[in-house]
Structures are given as structure tokens and as C-alpha cells.
Amino acid sequence: MAEAKGLDKPVKLKADLAEFLGASSLPRTEITKKLWDYIKANGLQTKTQNGKPENAGKFIVADAKLIKIFKNTKVTSKTGKLTDLSNMKEGETIDMMQMASVVSANIE
């Protein structure tokens, strides 16, 4: 069988994400899937920035478990855009498009 490459290649998870997912390494695709499964199962989406959870919408509400992972996020994209969630508080939201930054910041 061929070696996994790209998004299917397992990556090492940082401590908070590893604890949350119950694994020390996973492919990026699986990390994202498990995060979304948790978000959907717990109704942590909202249609408005910093709105109340309503299980629909493009914003993700940080609960007690997600906040640990979100606060580890301080990355600069290839275009130079900084995503810094280190001062985020429980109940605040991120845009779903920031999930890639969250995943990138929580892997080694």
C-alpha cells in the first residue's frame, strides 16, 4: 500500500488538540472532520458573530473544550494575514474559514 501523502499523511498533534481528539497523530482531514463532528453534535454554530449557539451558520462558538484549542492559534498565512485567537474568551466565535488556521496552529 502506498504511503499517505498531503492531507492524508498523519501529523503530530500538540497537547491540547491531542487530548481533545484522543490521539497523538492524525491526518489533517480527520482532524477537521472530528472537530466539525464535535461542533455539530454540540450545536456550536451561529449565524451572527459572537451570537448564541443555534446549530446553524458560519460562526463557531467556543465552548469550554474548544477554547483551549482556539487559544493556541497565532499563525500568519502565506498572504501575510495574522490569525491570533490567543485572547479569545469562552462564548466568542470564529468564522468557519478560520478552522484551517486553528488546525495548522495545533499541529507540529
PDB file of N, CA and C in Angstrom:
ATOM      1  N   MET A   1       0.831  -1.177   0.000  1.00  0.00           N
ATOM      2  CA  MET A   1       0.000   0.000   0.000  1.00  0.00           C
ATOM      3  C   MET A   1       0.883   1.251   0.000  1.00  0.00           C
ATOM      4  N   ALA A   2       0.475   2.265  -0.757  1.00  0.00           N
ATOM      5  CA  ALA A   2       1.263   3.478  -0.891  1.00  0.00           C
ATOM      6  C   ALA A   2       1.249   4.297   0.400  1.00  0.00           C
ATOM      7  N   GLU A   3       2.344   5.018   0.628  1.00  0.00           N
ATOM      8  CA  GLU A   3       2.447   5.873   1.805  1.00  0.00           C
ATOM      9  C   GLU A   3       1.506   7.069   1.664  1.00  0.00           C
ATOM     10  N   ALA A   4       0.836   7.411   2.735  1.00  0.00           N
ATOM     11  CA  ALA A   4      -0.081   8.554   2.712  1.00  0.00           C
ATOM     12  C   ALA A   4       0.704   9.838   2.486  1.00  0.00           C
ATOM     13  N   LYS A   5       0.136  10.733   1.671  1.00  0.00           N
ATOM     14  CA  LYS A   5       0.795  11.993   1.360  1.00  0.00           C
ATOM     15  C   LYS A   5      -0.206  13.132   1.492  1.00  0.00           C
ATOM     16  N   GLY A   6       0.320  14.345   1.520  1.00  0.00           N
ATOM     17  CA  GLY A   6      -0.533  15.530   1.548  1.00  0.00           C
ATOM     18  C   GLY A   6      -1.437  15.564   2.757  1.00  0.00           C
ATOM     19  N   LEU A   7      -2.715  15.839   2.516  1.00  0.00           N
ATOM     20  CA  LEU A   7      -3.682  15.965   3.603  1.00  0.00           C
ATOM     21  C   LEU A   7      -3.978  14.642   4.296  1.00  0.00           C
ATOM     22  N   ASP A   8      -3.657  13.527   3.636  1.00  0.00           N
ATOM     23  CA  ASP A   8      -3.919  12.208   4.219  1.00  0.00           C
ATOM     24  C   ASP A   8      -2.760  11.678   5.059  1.00  0.00           C
ATOM     25  N   LYS A   9      -1.638  12.420   5.070  1.00  0.00           N
ATOM     26  CA  LYS A   9      -0.484  11.997   5.854  1.00  0.00           C
ATOM     27  C   LYS A   9      -0.698  12.388   7.318  1.00  0.00           C
ATOM     28  N   PRO A  10      -0.558  11.446   8.247  1.00  0.00           N
ATOM     29  CA  PRO A  10      -0.727  11.774   9.668  1.00  0.00           C
ATOM     30  C   PRO A  10       0.290  12.828  10.127  1.00  0.00           C
ATOM     31  N   VAL A  11      -0.177  13.750  10.954  1.00  0.00           N
ATOM     32  CA  VAL A  11       0.675  14.784  11.531  1.00  0.00           C
ATOM     33  C   VAL A  11       0.598  14.674  13.049  1.00  0.00           C
ATOM     34  N   LYS A  12       1.657  15.127  13.736  1.00  0.00           N
ATOM     35  CA  LYS A  12       1.702  15.075  15.203  1.00  0.00           C
ATOM     36  C   LYS A  12       0.873  16.228  15.755  1.00  0.00           C
ATOM     37  N   LEU A  13       0.020  15.914  16.735  1.00  0.00           N
ATOM     38  CA  LEU A  13      -0.850  16.918  17.333  1.00  0.00           C
ATOM     39  C   LEU A  13      -0.208  17.516  18.579  1.00  0.00           C
ATOM     40  N   LYS A  14      -0.418  18.818  18.787  1.00  0.00           N
ATOM     41  CA  LYS A  14       0.033  19.452  20.022  1.00  0.00           C
ATOM     42  C   LYS A  14      -0.866  18.965  21.160  1.00  0.00           C
ATOM     43  N   ALA A  15      -0.420  19.156  22.382  1.00  0.00           N
ATOM     44  CA  ALA A  15      -1.040  18.548  23.567  1.00  0.00           C
ATOM     45  C   ALA A  15      -2.543  18.783  23.701  1.00  0.00           C
ATOM     46  N   ASP A  16      -3.009  20.030  23.594  1.00  0.00           N
ATOM     47  CA  ASP A  16      -4.439  20.306  23.800  1.00  0.00           C
ATOM     48  C   ASP A  16      -5.312  19.636  22.745  1.00  0.00           C
ATOM     49  N   LEU A  17      -4.880  19.677  21.503  1.00  0.00           N
ATOM     50  CA  LEU A  17      -5.649  19.036  20.431  1.00  0.00           C
ATOM     51  C   LEU A  17      -5.595  17.519  20.572  1.00  0.00           C
ATOM     52  N   ALA A  18      -4.431  16.986  20.938  1.00  0.00           N
ATOM     53  CA  ALA A  18      -4.292  15.534  21.137  1.00  0.00           C
ATOM     54  C   ALA A  18      -5.229  15.054  22.241  1.00  0.00           C
ATOM     55  N   GLU A  19      -5.307  15.822  23.331  1.00  0.00           N
ATOM     56  CA  GLU A  19      -6.203  15.466  24.428  1.00  0.00           C
ATOM     57  C   GLU A  19      -7.667  15.521  23.965  1.00  0.00           C
ATOM     58  N   PHE A  20      -8.018  16.562  23.242  1.00  0.00           N
ATOM     59  CA  PHE A  20      -9.391  16.748  22.755  1.00  0.00           C
ATOM     60  C   PHE A  20      -9.815  15.605  21.832  1.00  0.00           C
ATOM     61  N   LEU A  21      -8.913  15.209  20.919  1.00  0.00           N
ATOM     62  CA  LEU A  21      -9.245  14.181  19.924  1.00  0.00           C
ATOM     63  C   LEU A  21      -8.913  12.766  20.385  1.00  0.00           C
ATOM     64  N   GLY A  22      -8.147  12.627  21.457  1.00  0.00           N
ATOM     65  CA  GLY A  22      -7.802  11.305  21.954  1.00  0.00           C
ATOM     66  C   GLY A  22      -6.831  10.557  21.066  1.00  0.00           C
ATOM     67  N   ALA A  23      -5.944  11.309  20.401  1.00  0.00           N
ATOM     68  CA  ALA A  23      -4.938  10.696  19.523  1.00  0.00           C
ATOM     69  C   ALA A  23      -3.706  11.589  19.498  1.00  0.00           C
ATOM     70  N   SER A  24      -2.547  10.996  19.241  1.00  0.00           N
ATOM     71  CA  SER A  24      -1.321  11.799  19.184  1.00  0.00           C
ATOM     72  C   SER A  24      -0.981  12.238  17.765  1.00  0.00           C
ATOM     73  N   SER A  25      -1.525  11.529  16.773  1.00  0.00           N
ATOM     74  CA  SER A  25      -1.331  11.944  15.382  1.00  0.00           C
ATOM     75  C   SER A  25      -2.520  11.486  14.539  1.00  0.00           C
ATOM     76  N   LEU A  26      -2.886  12.324  13.584  1.00  0.00           N
ATOM     77  CA  LEU A  26      -3.997  12.057  12.662  1.00  0.00           C
ATOM     78  C   LEU A  26      -3.748  12.832  11.379  1.00  0.00           C
ATOM     79  N   PRO A  27      -4.339  12.400  10.265  1.00  0.00           N
ATOM     80  CA  PRO A  27      -4.279  13.214   9.046  1.00  0.00           C
ATOM     81  C   PRO A  27      -5.099  14.489   9.243  1.00  0.00           C
ATOM     82  N   ARG A  28      -4.730  15.568   8.553  1.00  0.00           N
ATOM     83  CA  ARG A  28      -5.458  16.831   8.657  1.00  0.00           C
ATOM     84  C   ARG A  28      -6.947  16.658   8.354  1.00  0.00           C
ATOM     85  N   THR A  29      -7.246  15.821   7.379  1.00  0.00           N
ATOM     86  CA  THR A  29      -8.647  15.614   7.008  1.00  0.00           C
ATOM     87  C   THR A  29      -9.444  15.042   8.178  1.00  0.00           C
ATOM     88  N   GLU A  30      -8.836  14.124   8.914  1.00  0.00           N
ATOM     89  CA  GLU A  30      -9.509  13.500  10.055  1.00  0.00           C
ATOM     90  C   GLU A  30      -9.631  14.475  11.226  1.00  0.00           C
ATOM     91  N   ILE A  31      -8.619  15.320  11.415  1.00  0.00           N
ATOM     92  CA  ILE A  31      -8.672  16.333  12.471  1.00  0.00           C
ATOM     93  C   ILE A  31      -9.868  17.253  12.225  1.00  0.00           C
ATOM     94  N   THR A  32      -9.963  17.761  11.011  1.00  0.00           N
ATOM     95  CA  THR A  32     -11.043  18.677  10.653  1.00  0.00           C
ATOM     96  C   THR A  32     -12.398  18.005  10.789  1.00  0.00           C
ATOM     97  N   LYS A  33     -12.505  16.761  10.348  1.00  0.00           N
ATOM     98  CA  LYS A  33     -13.771  16.030  10.430  1.00  0.00           C
ATOM     99  C   LYS A  33     -14.200  15.867  11.894  1.00  0.00           C
ATOM    100  N   LYS A  34     -13.259  15.476  12.749  1.00  0.00           N
ATOM    101  CA  LYS A  34     -13.594  15.263  14.158  1.00  0.00           C
ATOM    102  C   LYS A  34     -13.983  16.579  14.853  1.00  0.00           C
ATOM    103  N   LEU A  35     -13.307  17.664  14.516  1.00  0.00           N
ATOM    104  CA  LEU A  35     -13.677  18.964  15.073  1.00  0.00           C
ATOM    105  C   LEU A  35     -15.096  19.344  14.648  1.00  0.00           C
ATOM    106  N   TRP A  36     -15.407  19.179  13.357  1.00  0.00           N
ATOM    107  CA  TRP A  36     -16.750  19.505  12.870  1.00  0.00           C
ATOM    108  C   TRP A  36     -17.803  18.581  13.472  1.00  0.00           C
ATOM    109  N   ASP A  37     -17.485  17.317  13.632  1.00  0.00           N
ATOM    110  CA  ASP A  37     -18.432  16.397  14.280  1.00  0.00           C
ATOM    111  C   ASP A  37     -18.779  16.900  15.682  1.00  0.00           C
ATOM    112  N   TYR A  38     -17.764  17.337  16.425  1.00  0.00           N
ATOM    113  CA  TYR A  38     -17.980  17.854  17.780  1.00  0.00           C
ATOM    114  C   TYR A  38     -18.828  19.131  17.741  1.00  0.00           C
ATOM    115  N   ILE A  39     -18.481  20.037  16.854  1.00  0.00           N
ATOM    116  CA  ILE A  39     -19.202  21.313  16.733  1.00  0.00           C
ATOM    117  C   ILE A  39     -20.677  21.070  16.428  1.00  0.00           C
ATOM    118  N   LYS A  40     -20.941  20.202  15.476  1.00  0.00           N
ATOM    119  CA  LYS A  40     -22.327  19.917  15.086  1.00  0.00           C
ATOM    120  C   LYS A  40     -23.080  19.166  16.185  1.00  0.00           C
ATOM    121  N   ALA A  41     -22.424  18.200  16.814  1.00  0.00           N
ATOM    122  CA  ALA A  41     -23.080  17.412  17.862  1.00  0.00           C
ATOM    123  C   ALA A  41     -23.454  18.271  19.070  1.00  0.00           C
ATOM    124  N   ASN A  42     -22.703  19.339  19.287  1.00  0.00           N
ATOM    125  CA  ASN A  42     -22.946  20.199  20.444  1.00  0.00           C
ATOM    126  C   ASN A  42     -23.630  21.519  20.089  1.00  0.00           C
ATOM    127  N   GLY A  43     -24.113  21.629  18.833  1.00  0.00           N
ATOM    128  CA  GLY A  43     -24.846  22.818  18.415  1.00  0.00           C
ATOM    129  C   GLY A  43     -24.064  24.108  18.562  1.00  0.00           C
ATOM    130  N   LEU A  44     -22.790  24.099  18.166  1.00  0.00           N
ATOM    131  CA  LEU A  44     -21.915  25.254  18.390  1.00  0.00           C
ATOM    132  C   LEU A  44     -21.741  26.151  17.167  1.00  0.00           C
ATOM    133  N   GLN A  45     -22.744  26.246  16.331  1.00  0.00           N
ATOM    134  CA  GLN A  45     -22.705  27.171  15.203  1.00  0.00           C
ATOM    135  C   GLN A  45     -23.745  28.265  15.423  1.00  0.00           C
ATOM    136  N   THR A  46     -23.469  29.444  14.878  1.00  0.00           N
ATOM    137  CA  THR A  46     -24.395  30.559  14.967  1.00  0.00           C
ATOM    138  C   THR A  46     -24.299  31.397  13.691  1.00  0.00           C
ATOM    139  N   LYS A  47     -25.344  32.118  13.390  1.00  0.00           N
ATOM    140  CA  LYS A  47     -25.392  32.923  12.166  1.00  0.00           C
ATOM    141  C   LYS A  47     -24.788  34.309  12.360  1.00  0.00           C
ATOM    142  N   THR A  48     -24.560  34.713  13.609  1.00  0.00           N
ATOM    143  CA  THR A  48     -24.029  36.040  13.872  1.00  0.00           C
ATOM    144  C   THR A  48     -22.746  35.963  14.685  1.00  0.00           C
ATOM    145  N   GLN A  49     -21.855  36.905  14.444  1.00  0.00           N
ATOM    146  CA  GLN A  49     -20.606  36.941  15.188  1.00  0.00           C
ATOM    147  C   GLN A  49     -20.904  37.133  16.671  1.00  0.00           C
ATOM    148  N   ASN A  50     -20.308  36.281  17.497  1.00  0.00           N
ATOM    149  CA  ASN A  50     -20.498  36.267  18.945  1.00  0.00           C
ATOM    150  C   ASN A  50     -21.964  36.076  19.360  1.00  0.00           C
ATOM    151  N   GLY A  51     -22.751  35.433  18.484  1.00  0.00           N
ATOM    152  CA  GLY A  51     -24.144  35.132  18.788  1.00  0.00           C
ATOM    153  C   GLY A  51     -24.271  33.881  19.632  1.00  0.00           C
ATOM    154  N   LYS A  52     -25.471  33.603  20.047  1.00  0.00           N
ATOM    155  CA  LYS A  52     -25.764  32.410  20.845  1.00  0.00           C
ATOM    156  C   LYS A  52     -25.764  31.183  19.933  1.00  0.00           C
ATOM    157  N   PRO A  53     -25.320  30.014  20.440  1.00  0.00           N
ATOM    158  CA  PRO A  53     -25.343  28.790  19.632  1.00  0.00           C
ATOM    159  C   PRO A  53     -26.753  28.476  19.133  1.00  0.00           C
ATOM    160  N   GLU A  54     -26.869  28.208  17.840  1.00  0.00           N
ATOM    161  CA  GLU A  54     -28.168  27.875  17.259  1.00  0.00           C
ATOM    162  C   GLU A  54     -28.068  26.709  16.272  1.00  0.00           C
ATOM    163  N   ASN A  55     -26.892  26.070  16.242  1.00  0.00           N
ATOM    164  CA  ASN A  55     -26.647  24.892  15.409  1.00  0.00           C
ATOM    165  C   ASN A  55     -26.794  25.147  13.912  1.00  0.00           C
ATOM    166  N   ALA A  56     -26.568  26.378  13.478  1.00  0.00           N
ATOM    167  CA  ALA A  56     -26.554  26.703  12.052  1.00  0.00           C
ATOM    168  C   ALA A  56     -25.799  28.012  11.890  1.00  0.00           C
ATOM    169  N   GLY A  57     -25.147  28.173  10.762  1.00  0.00           N
ATOM    170  CA  GLY A  57     -24.460  29.422  10.492  1.00  0.00           C
ATOM    171  C   GLY A  57     -22.978  29.241  10.280  1.00  0.00           C
ATOM    172  N   LYS A  58     -22.322  30.350   9.913  1.00  0.00           N
ATOM    173  CA  LYS A  58     -20.905  30.287   9.545  1.00  0.00           C
ATOM    174  C   LYS A  58     -19.945  30.591  10.691  1.00  0.00           C
ATOM    175  N   PHE A  59     -20.472  30.887  11.869  1.00  0.00           N
ATOM    176  CA  PHE A  59     -19.613  31.166  13.014  1.00  0.00           C
ATOM    177  C   PHE A  59     -19.640  29.996  13.998  1.00  0.00           C
ATOM    178  N   ILE A  60     -18.477  29.728  14.605  1.00  0.00           N
ATOM    179  CA  ILE A  60     -18.337  28.629  15.551  1.00  0.00           C
ATOM    180  C   ILE A  60     -18.155  29.227  16.944  1.00  0.00           C
ATOM    181  N   VAL A  61     -18.991  28.796  17.865  1.00  0.00           N
ATOM    182  CA  VAL A  61     -18.954  29.288  19.239  1.00  0.00           C
ATOM    183  C   VAL A  61     -17.969  28.448  20.049  1.00  0.00           C
ATOM    184  N   ALA A  62     -17.049  29.130  20.716  1.00  0.00           N
ATOM    185  CA  ALA A  62     -16.051  28.440  21.532  1.00  0.00           C
ATOM    186  C   ALA A  62     -16.653  28.042  22.878  1.00  0.00           C
ATOM    187  N   ASP A  63     -16.724  26.737  23.111  1.00  0.00           N
ATOM    188  CA  ASP A  63     -17.164  26.257  24.425  1.00  0.00           C
ATOM    189  C   ASP A  63     -15.919  25.973  25.271  1.00  0.00           C
ATOM    190  N   ALA A  64     -16.111  25.419  26.455  1.00  0.00           N
ATOM    191  CA  ALA A  64     -15.002  25.171  27.383  1.00  0.00           C
ATOM    192  C   ALA A  64     -13.925  24.256  26.791  1.00  0.00           C
ATOM    193  N   LYS A  65     -14.315  23.315  25.939  1.00  0.00           N
ATOM    194  CA  LYS A  65     -13.334  22.395  25.349  1.00  0.00           C
ATOM    195  C   LYS A  65     -12.623  23.014  24.148  1.00  0.00           C
ATOM    196  N   LEU A  66     -13.363  23.678  23.271  1.00  0.00           N
ATOM    197  CA  LEU A  66     -12.765  24.267  22.073  1.00  0.00           C
ATOM    198  C   LEU A  66     -11.873  25.462  22.383  1.00  0.00           C
ATOM    199  N   ILE A  67     -12.193  26.200  23.432  1.00  0.00           N
ATOM    200  CA  ILE A  67     -11.421  27.407  23.742  1.00  0.00           C
ATOM    201  C   ILE A  67      -9.945  27.090  23.961  1.00  0.00           C
ATOM    202  N   LYS A  68      -9.636  25.942  24.554  1.00  0.00           N
ATOM    203  CA  LYS A  68      -8.237  25.550  24.768  1.00  0.00           C
ATOM    204  C   LYS A  68      -7.490  25.434  23.439  1.00  0.00           C
ATOM    205  N   ILE A  69      -8.159  24.898  22.441  1.00  0.00           N
ATOM    206  CA  ILE A  69      -7.547  24.715  21.123  1.00  0.00           C
ATOM    207  C   ILE A  69      -7.483  26.050  20.390  1.00  0.00           C
ATOM    208  N   PHE A  70      -8.584  26.795  20.413  1.00  0.00           N
ATOM    209  CA  PHE A  70      -8.624  28.077  19.712  1.00  0.00           C
ATOM    210  C   PHE A  70      -7.562  29.038  20.241  1.00  0.00           C
ATOM    211  N   LYS A  71      -7.344  29.057  21.565  1.00  0.00           N
ATOM    212  CA  LYS A  71      -6.391  29.998  22.162  1.00  0.00           C
ATOM    213  C   LYS A  71      -4.940  29.698  21.777  1.00  0.00           C
ATOM    214  N   ASN A  72      -4.666  28.514  21.251  1.00  0.00           N
ATOM    215  CA  ASN A  72      -3.320  28.166  20.788  1.00  0.00           C
ATOM    216  C   ASN A  72      -3.046  28.715  19.395  1.00  0.00           C
ATOM    217  N   THR A  73      -4.020  29.380  18.794  1.00  0.00           N
ATOM    218  CA  THR A  73      -3.920  29.808  17.403  1.00  0.00           C
ATOM    219  C   THR A  73      -3.347  31.207  17.276  1.00  0.00           C
ATOM    220  N   LYS A  74      -2.143  31.257  16.720  1.00  0.00           N
ATOM    221  CA  LYS A  74      -1.493  32.521  16.362  1.00  0.00           C
ATOM    222  C   LYS A  74      -0.591  32.202  15.175  1.00  0.00           C
ATOM    223  N   VAL A  75      -1.154  32.334  13.973  1.00  0.00           N
ATOM    224  CA  VAL A  75      -0.432  31.978  12.750  1.00  0.00           C
ATOM    225  C   VAL A  75      -0.576  33.085  11.715  1.00  0.00           C
ATOM    226  N   THR A  76       0.415  33.182  10.846  1.00  0.00           N
ATOM    227  CA  THR A  76       0.382  34.117   9.736  1.00  0.00           C
ATOM    228  C   THR A  76       0.261  33.297   8.451  1.00  0.00           C
ATOM    229  N   SER A  77      -0.728  33.638   7.628  1.00  0.00           N
ATOM    230  CA  SER A  77      -0.944  32.910   6.381  1.00  0.00           C
ATOM    231  C   SER A  77       0.121  33.285   5.357  1.00  0.00           C
ATOM    232  N   LYS A  78       0.145  32.586   4.241  1.00  0.00           N
ATOM    233  CA  LYS A  78       1.098  32.873   3.173  1.00  0.00           C
ATOM    234  C   LYS A  78       0.884  34.265   2.593  1.00  0.00           C
ATOM    235  N   THR A  79      -0.330  34.788   2.723  1.00  0.00           N
ATOM    236  CA  THR A  79      -0.632  36.134   2.223  1.00  0.00           C
ATOM    237  C   THR A  79      -0.292  37.208   3.253  1.00  0.00           C
ATOM    238  N   GLY A  80       0.151  36.797   4.445  1.00  0.00           N
ATOM    239  CA  GLY A  80       0.550  37.740   5.472  1.00  0.00           C
ATOM    240  C   GLY A  80      -0.537  38.083   6.477  1.00  0.00           C
ATOM    241  N   LYS A  81      -1.703  37.455   6.372  1.00  0.00           N
ATOM    242  CA  LYS A  81      -2.806  37.729   7.299  1.00  0.00           C
ATOM    243  C   LYS A  81      -2.562  36.984   8.613  1.00  0.00           C
ATOM    244  N   LEU A  82      -2.619  37.729   9.728  1.00  0.00           N
ATOM    245  CA  LEU A  82      -2.410  37.143  11.050  1.00  0.00           C
ATOM    246  C   LEU A  82      -3.742  36.696  11.634  1.00  0.00           C
ATOM    247  N   THR A  83      -3.783  35.450  12.109  1.00  0.00           N
ATOM    248  CA  THR A  83      -4.930  34.945  12.862  1.00  0.00           C
ATOM    249  C   THR A  83      -4.442  34.699  14.278  1.00  0.00           C
ATOM    250  N   ASP A  84      -4.883  35.566  15.195  1.00  0.00           N
ATOM    251  CA  ASP A  84      -4.455  35.481  16.584  1.00  0.00           C
ATOM    252  C   ASP A  84      -5.692  35.344  17.475  1.00  0.00           C
ATOM    253  N   LEU A  85      -5.898  34.147  18.003  1.00  0.00           N
ATOM    254  CA  LEU A  85      -7.048  33.874  18.867  1.00  0.00           C
ATOM    255  C   LEU A  85      -6.619  33.704  20.324  1.00  0.00           C
ATOM    256  N   SER A  86      -5.387  34.089  20.643  1.00  0.00           N
ATOM    257  CA  SER A  86      -4.834  33.835  21.971  1.00  0.00           C
ATOM    258  C   SER A  86      -5.588  34.552  23.102  1.00  0.00           C
ATOM    259  N   ASN A  87      -6.309  35.617  22.801  1.00  0.00           N
ATOM    260  CA  ASN A  87      -7.061  36.343  23.835  1.00  0.00           C
ATOM    261  C   ASN A  87      -8.554  36.031  23.792  1.00  0.00           C
ATOM    262  N   MET A  88      -8.924  35.010  23.061  1.00  0.00           N
ATOM    263  CA  MET A  88     -10.330  34.656  22.905  1.00  0.00           C
ATOM    264  C   MET A  88     -10.919  34.165  24.227  1.00  0.00           C
ATOM    265  N   LYS A  89     -12.200  34.442  24.399  1.00  0.00           N
ATOM    266  CA  LYS A  89     -12.895  34.006  25.613  1.00  0.00           C
ATOM    267  C   LYS A  89     -14.007  33.025  25.254  1.00  0.00           C
ATOM    268  N   GLU A  90     -14.346  32.176  26.202  1.00  0.00           N
ATOM    269  CA  GLU A  90     -15.427  31.216  26.014  1.00  0.00           C
ATOM    270  C   GLU A  90     -16.709  31.972  25.638  1.00  0.00           C
ATOM    271  N   GLY A  91     -17.432  31.458  24.646  1.00  0.00           N
ATOM    272  CA  GLY A  91     -18.663  32.088  24.183  1.00  0.00           C
ATOM    273  C   GLY A  91     -18.466  32.972  22.967  1.00  0.00           C
ATOM    274  N   GLU A  92     -17.214  33.361  22.691  1.00  0.00           N
ATOM    275  CA  GLU A  92     -16.928  34.142  21.490  1.00  0.00           C
ATOM    276  C   GLU A  92     -16.887  33.207  20.293  1.00  0.00           C
ATOM    277  N   THR A  93     -16.897  33.789  19.097  1.00  0.00           N
ATOM    278  CA  THR A  93     -16.953  32.976  17.887  1.00  0.00           C
ATOM    279  C   THR A  93     -15.753  33.201  16.977  1.00  0.00           C
ATOM    280  N   ILE A  94     -15.536  32.217  16.108  1.00  0.00           N
ATOM    281  CA  ILE A  94     -14.608  32.376  14.992  1.00  0.00           C
ATOM    282  C   ILE A  94     -15.399  32.104  13.726  1.00  0.00           C
ATOM    283  N   ASP A  95     -14.924  32.636  12.611  1.00  0.00           N
ATOM    284  CA  ASP A  95     -15.516  32.360  11.316  1.00  0.00           C
ATOM    285  C   ASP A  95     -15.077  30.952  10.904  1.00  0.00           C
ATOM    286  N   MET A  96     -15.977  30.200  10.298  1.00  0.00           N
ATOM    287  CA  MET A  96     -15.637  28.816   9.909  1.00  0.00           C
ATOM    288  C   MET A  96     -14.413  28.760   9.000  1.00  0.00           C
ATOM    289  N   MET A  97     -14.135  29.841   8.281  1.00  0.00           N
ATOM    290  CA  MET A  97     -12.976  29.858   7.398  1.00  0.00           C
ATOM    291  C   MET A  97     -11.662  29.886   8.187  1.00  0.00           C
ATOM    292  N   GLN A  98     -11.725  30.164   9.481  1.00  0.00           N
ATOM    293  CA  GLN A  98     -10.526  30.178  10.320  1.00  0.00           C
ATOM    294  C   GLN A  98     -10.153  28.785  10.835  1.00  0.00           C
ATOM    295  N   MET A  99     -10.972  27.784  10.557  1.00  0.00           N
ATOM    296  CA  MET A  99     -10.691  26.431  11.054  1.00  0.00           C
ATOM    297  C   MET A  99      -9.361  25.890  10.527  1.00  0.00           C
ATOM    298  N   ALA A 100      -9.009  26.220   9.291  1.00  0.00           N
ATOM    299  CA  ALA A 100      -7.729  25.755   8.749  1.00  0.00           C
ATOM    300  C   ALA A 100      -6.570  26.329   9.563  1.00  0.00           C
ATOM    301  N   SER A 101      -6.689  27.592   9.974  1.00  0.00           N
ATOM    302  CA  SER A 101      -5.658  28.216  10.813  1.00  0.00           C
ATOM    303  C   SER A 101      -5.586  27.549  12.167  1.00  0.00           C
ATOM    304  N   VAL A 102      -6.742  27.218  12.738  1.00  0.00           N
ATOM    305  CA  VAL A 102      -6.784  26.543  14.036  1.00  0.00           C
ATOM    306  C   VAL A 102      -6.074  25.194  13.948  1.00  0.00           C
ATOM    307  N   VAL A 103      -6.382  24.436  12.910  1.00  0.00           N
ATOM    308  CA  VAL A 103      -5.752  23.115  12.738  1.00  0.00           C
ATOM    309  C   VAL A 103      -4.240  23.294  12.564  1.00  0.00           C
ATOM    310  N   SER A 104      -3.819  24.211  11.683  1.00  0.00           N
ATOM    311  CA  SER A 104      -2.394  24.430  11.435  1.00  0.00           C
ATOM    312  C   SER A 104      -1.635  24.826  12.693  1.00  0.00           C
ATOM    313  N   ALA A 105      -2.252  25.642  13.532  1.00  0.00           N
ATOM    314  CA  ALA A 105      -1.588  26.118  14.747  1.00  0.00           C
ATOM    315  C   ALA A 105      -1.490  25.040  15.814  1.00  0.00           C
ATOM    316  N   ASN A 106      -2.266  23.965  15.686  1.00  0.00           N
ATOM    317  CA  ASN A 106      -2.300  22.938  16.714  1.00  0.00           C
ATOM    318  C   ASN A 106      -1.652  21.617  16.295  1.00  0.00           C
ATOM    319  N   ILE A 107      -0.848  21.681  15.245  1.00  0.00           N
ATOM    320  CA  ILE A 107      -0.067  20.506  14.839  1.00  0.00           C
ATOM    321  C   ILE A 107       1.408  20.877  14.795  1.00  0.00           C
ATOM    322  N   GLU A 108       2.251  19.860  14.875  1.00  0.00           N
ATOM    323  CA  GLU A 108       3.699  20.105  14.850  1.00  0.00           C
ATOM    324  C   GLU A 108       4.276  19.745  13.512  1.00  0.00           C
TER     325      GLU A 108
END
